[in-house]
Amino acid sequence: MTVTSTVSKNQYTANGSLTTFAYSFLIFSDSDLAVYVDDVLKTLTTDYTVTNAGVAGGGNVVFGTAPADTANVTIIRSVPYTQSVDYTAYDPFPAETHESALDRNTMLSQQLLEKHERGIKMKPSFTGSEVLVDAPSAGKALKWAASLDDIMVSGRGTPSEAKLAGRLSHAGTQAVDRVGRAFLW
């Protein structure tokens, strides 16, 4: 088999009666999926079952009870970050086993890409090496400092005390936009 698609996530809006939702990508076992309803992780065999593990075109997630009307259903491939192939010296080359290991590595790369694409990113012109953020604090938010070159946690000292490592001028809307909206913790 080969991994012929870059898709590793499917999303749906539930209607309150539908219990079956398709996933359109290869998984090796039923446990290779993370299934969320309104961003709450559901439990395999308790909340849902999986069909067609091992089939290149995917299969279905079948809920025991239909998710509520307008609930967001997210199905993400979640292959464990392990390596289970062990080659024995001087044995015949196991092509199918090797190809499955390559498929698994491709899936792991796709999983990392999917997580990366959901993250806050700096524009290519950013010259810092890393951005560190204070630990979350109830009721606080990330916000631009008055100088527009630092991000700080609201209510935590002066911009210089709450400053993130590196300069964040012109970080744009991928972090926090400049009209006062912020990510809340």
Protein backbone atom coordinates (compact mmCIF):
# COMPACT_ATOMS: atom_id res chain seq x y z
CA MET A 1 0.00 0.00 0.00
CA THR A 2 1.05 3.61 -0.37
CA VAL A 3 -0.14 6.84 1.22
CA THR A 4 -1.54 8.61 -1.84
CA SER A 5 -3.29 11.50 -0.10
CA THR A 6 -2.17 14.32 2.16
CA VAL A 7 -5.54 14.35 3.94
CA SER A 8 -5.28 13.35 7.60
CA LYS A 9 -8.35 15.14 9.03
CA ASN A 10 -12.06 15.27 8.21
CA GLN A 11 -14.54 17.70 9.75
CA TYR A 12 -18.34 17.72 9.81
CA THR A 13 -21.27 19.58 11.33
CA ALA A 14 -23.64 17.10 12.97
CA ASN A 15 -27.41 17.24 12.44
CA GLY A 16 -28.54 15.50 15.64
CA SER A 17 -29.55 12.25 13.93
CA LEU A 18 -26.59 11.10 11.81
CA THR A 19 -24.34 8.61 13.63
CA THR A 20 -21.90 7.70 10.83
CA PHE A 21 -19.09 10.01 9.69
CA ALA A 22 -16.51 9.08 7.05
CA TYR A 23 -12.76 9.37 7.35
CA SER A 24 -11.01 9.45 3.96
CA PHE A 25 -7.49 8.28 4.78
CA LEU A 26 -5.56 5.15 5.65
CA ILE A 27 -5.18 4.01 9.26
CA PHE A 28 -3.58 0.78 10.46
CA SER A 29 -5.85 0.07 13.44
CA ASP A 30 -9.07 1.38 14.97
CA SER A 31 -7.08 3.22 17.65
CA ASP A 32 -5.24 5.31 15.02
CA LEU A 33 -7.96 7.99 15.10
CA ALA A 34 -8.64 10.85 17.49
CA VAL A 35 -12.34 11.73 17.37
CA TYR A 36 -13.63 15.01 18.81
CA VAL A 37 -17.14 16.39 19.22
CA ASP A 38 -17.06 20.13 19.89
CA ASP A 39 -13.36 19.76 20.74
CA VAL A 40 -13.99 17.09 23.40
CA LEU A 41 -11.99 13.90 22.77
CA LYS A 42 -14.26 10.85 22.54
CA THR A 43 -13.37 7.30 23.59
CA LEU A 44 -13.08 4.37 21.17
CA THR A 45 -15.64 1.60 21.90
CA THR A 46 -17.34 3.75 24.57
CA ASP A 47 -18.49 6.62 22.30
CA TYR A 48 -17.79 5.28 18.82
CA THR A 49 -16.49 2.40 16.71
CA VAL A 50 -14.33 2.42 13.57
CA THR A 51 -14.72 0.53 10.30
CA ASN A 52 -12.18 -0.31 7.57
CA ALA A 53 -8.86 0.06 9.38
CA GLY A 54 -6.20 -0.93 6.85
CA VAL A 55 -8.21 0.24 3.83
CA ALA A 56 -6.49 2.95 1.76
CA GLY A 57 -9.72 4.83 1.04
CA GLY A 58 -10.69 5.09 4.70
CA GLY A 59 -13.87 4.06 6.45
CA ASN A 60 -16.36 5.31 9.01
CA VAL A 61 -16.60 6.44 12.59
CA VAL A 62 -19.92 5.22 13.98
CA PHE A 63 -21.24 6.87 17.15
CA GLY A 64 -23.48 4.98 19.55
CA THR A 65 -25.47 8.18 20.02
CA ALA A 66 -25.70 10.87 17.36
CA PRO A 67 -23.76 14.05 18.16
CA ALA A 68 -26.04 17.02 18.90
CA ASP A 69 -27.37 19.21 16.11
CA THR A 70 -24.70 21.71 14.93
CA ALA A 71 -21.93 19.96 16.94
CA ASN A 72 -18.53 20.00 15.24
CA VAL A 73 -17.20 16.49 14.58
CA THR A 74 -13.46 16.28 13.90
CA ILE A 75 -11.69 13.05 12.93
CA ILE A 76 -7.89 13.19 12.92
CA ARG A 77 -5.40 10.44 12.14
CA SER A 78 -3.41 9.80 15.32
CA VAL A 79 -0.82 7.09 14.70
CA PRO A 80 1.44 6.49 17.75
CA TYR A 81 4.97 7.91 17.46
CA THR A 82 6.66 4.53 17.69
CA GLN A 83 8.64 2.31 15.34
CA SER A 84 7.75 -1.39 15.46
CA VAL A 85 9.67 -2.76 12.47
CA ASP A 86 12.80 -4.74 13.33
CA TYR A 87 14.95 -6.19 10.56
CA THR A 88 16.98 -9.33 11.10
CA ALA A 89 20.42 -9.34 9.52
CA TYR A 90 20.78 -11.59 6.46
CA ASP A 91 17.04 -12.39 6.26
CA PRO A 92 15.27 -11.86 2.93
CA PHE A 93 14.21 -8.23 2.50
CA PRO A 94 10.57 -7.90 3.64
CA ALA A 95 9.31 -5.42 1.05
CA GLU A 96 5.72 -5.22 2.35
CA THR A 97 6.88 -4.68 5.92
CA HIS A 98 9.31 -2.02 4.74
CA GLU A 99 6.64 -0.26 2.69
CA SER A 100 4.26 -0.27 5.69
CA ALA A 101 7.01 1.34 7.79
CA LEU A 102 7.49 4.02 5.13
CA ASP A 103 3.71 4.58 5.03
CA ARG A 104 3.70 4.98 8.81
CA ASN A 105 6.51 7.56 8.63
CA THR A 106 4.58 9.47 5.97
CA MET A 107 1.50 9.44 8.21
CA LEU A 108 3.53 10.71 11.15
CA SER A 109 4.89 13.54 8.98
CA GLN A 110 1.33 14.41 7.93
CA GLN A 111 0.21 14.44 11.58
CA LEU A 112 3.00 16.85 12.49
CA LEU A 113 2.12 19.06 9.50
CA GLU A 114 -1.55 19.14 10.52
CA LYS A 115 -0.60 20.24 14.06
CA HIS A 116 1.88 22.79 12.69
CA GLU A 117 -0.75 24.29 10.41
CA ARG A 118 -3.04 24.91 13.42
CA GLY A 119 -0.32 26.68 15.42
CA ILE A 120 0.57 30.32 15.79
CA LYS A 121 3.41 31.09 13.39
CA MET A 122 5.72 34.00 12.83
CA LYS A 123 6.11 35.58 9.41
CA PRO A 124 9.24 34.56 7.45
CA SER A 125 10.83 37.95 8.19
CA PHE A 126 10.86 37.25 11.96
CA THR A 127 14.50 37.32 13.08
CA GLY A 128 14.14 35.84 16.58
CA SER A 129 15.01 32.25 17.34
CA GLU A 130 12.08 31.37 19.59
CA VAL A 131 9.06 32.91 21.24
CA LEU A 132 8.32 32.04 24.85
CA VAL A 133 4.92 32.69 26.39
CA ASP A 134 4.08 32.89 30.09
CA ALA A 135 2.05 30.02 31.51
CA PRO A 136 -1.71 30.39 31.02
CA SER A 137 -3.50 32.37 33.70
CA ALA A 138 -7.29 32.34 34.19
CA GLY A 139 -8.98 35.36 32.69
CA LYS A 140 -5.79 36.69 31.09
CA ALA A 141 -5.05 37.14 27.39
CA LEU A 142 -2.11 37.63 25.08
CA LYS A 143 -2.00 41.19 23.78
CA TRP A 144 0.24 43.56 21.88
CA ALA A 145 2.20 46.02 24.00
CA ALA A 146 1.60 49.71 23.23
CA SER A 147 4.86 49.78 21.26
CA LEU A 148 3.47 47.09 18.90
CA ASP A 149 6.78 45.24 19.05
CA ASP A 150 6.11 42.95 22.03
CA ILE A 151 3.40 40.55 23.10
CA MET A 152 2.57 40.37 26.79
CA VAL A 153 0.07 38.67 29.06
CA SER A 154 -2.57 41.17 30.10
CA GLY A 155 -2.34 42.28 33.71
CA ARG A 156 1.25 41.07 34.21
CA GLY A 157 3.57 44.01 34.85
CA THR A 158 4.99 46.34 32.27
CA PRO A 159 5.65 45.29 28.69
CA SER A 160 9.35 44.96 29.44
CA GLU A 161 8.61 42.61 32.38
CA ALA A 162 6.10 40.55 30.42
CA LYS A 163 8.05 40.71 27.16
CA LEU A 164 8.42 37.56 25.10
CA ALA A 165 11.86 36.46 23.97
CA GLY A 166 12.65 38.06 20.63
CA ARG A 167 10.97 40.98 18.92
CA LEU A 168 7.56 40.49 17.41
CA SER A 169 7.06 43.60 15.32
CA HIS A 170 4.78 43.03 12.36
CA ALA A 171 3.84 39.49 13.48
CA GLY A 172 0.44 40.14 11.94
CA THR A 173 -2.85 38.38 12.38
CA GLN A 174 -1.33 34.90 12.74
CA ALA A 175 -0.46 35.67 16.38
CA VAL A 176 -2.73 38.40 17.68
CA ASP A 177 -4.21 41.08 15.52
CA ARG A 178 -3.37 44.73 16.12
CA VAL A 179 -6.88 45.97 16.85
CA GLY A 180 -6.98 44.64 20.40
CA ARG A 181 -8.41 41.16 19.88
CA ALA A 182 -6.41 38.47 21.68
CA PHE A 183 -6.26 34.74 22.34
CA LEU A 184 -7.89 34.02 25.70
CA TRP A 185 -6.73 31.29 28.05
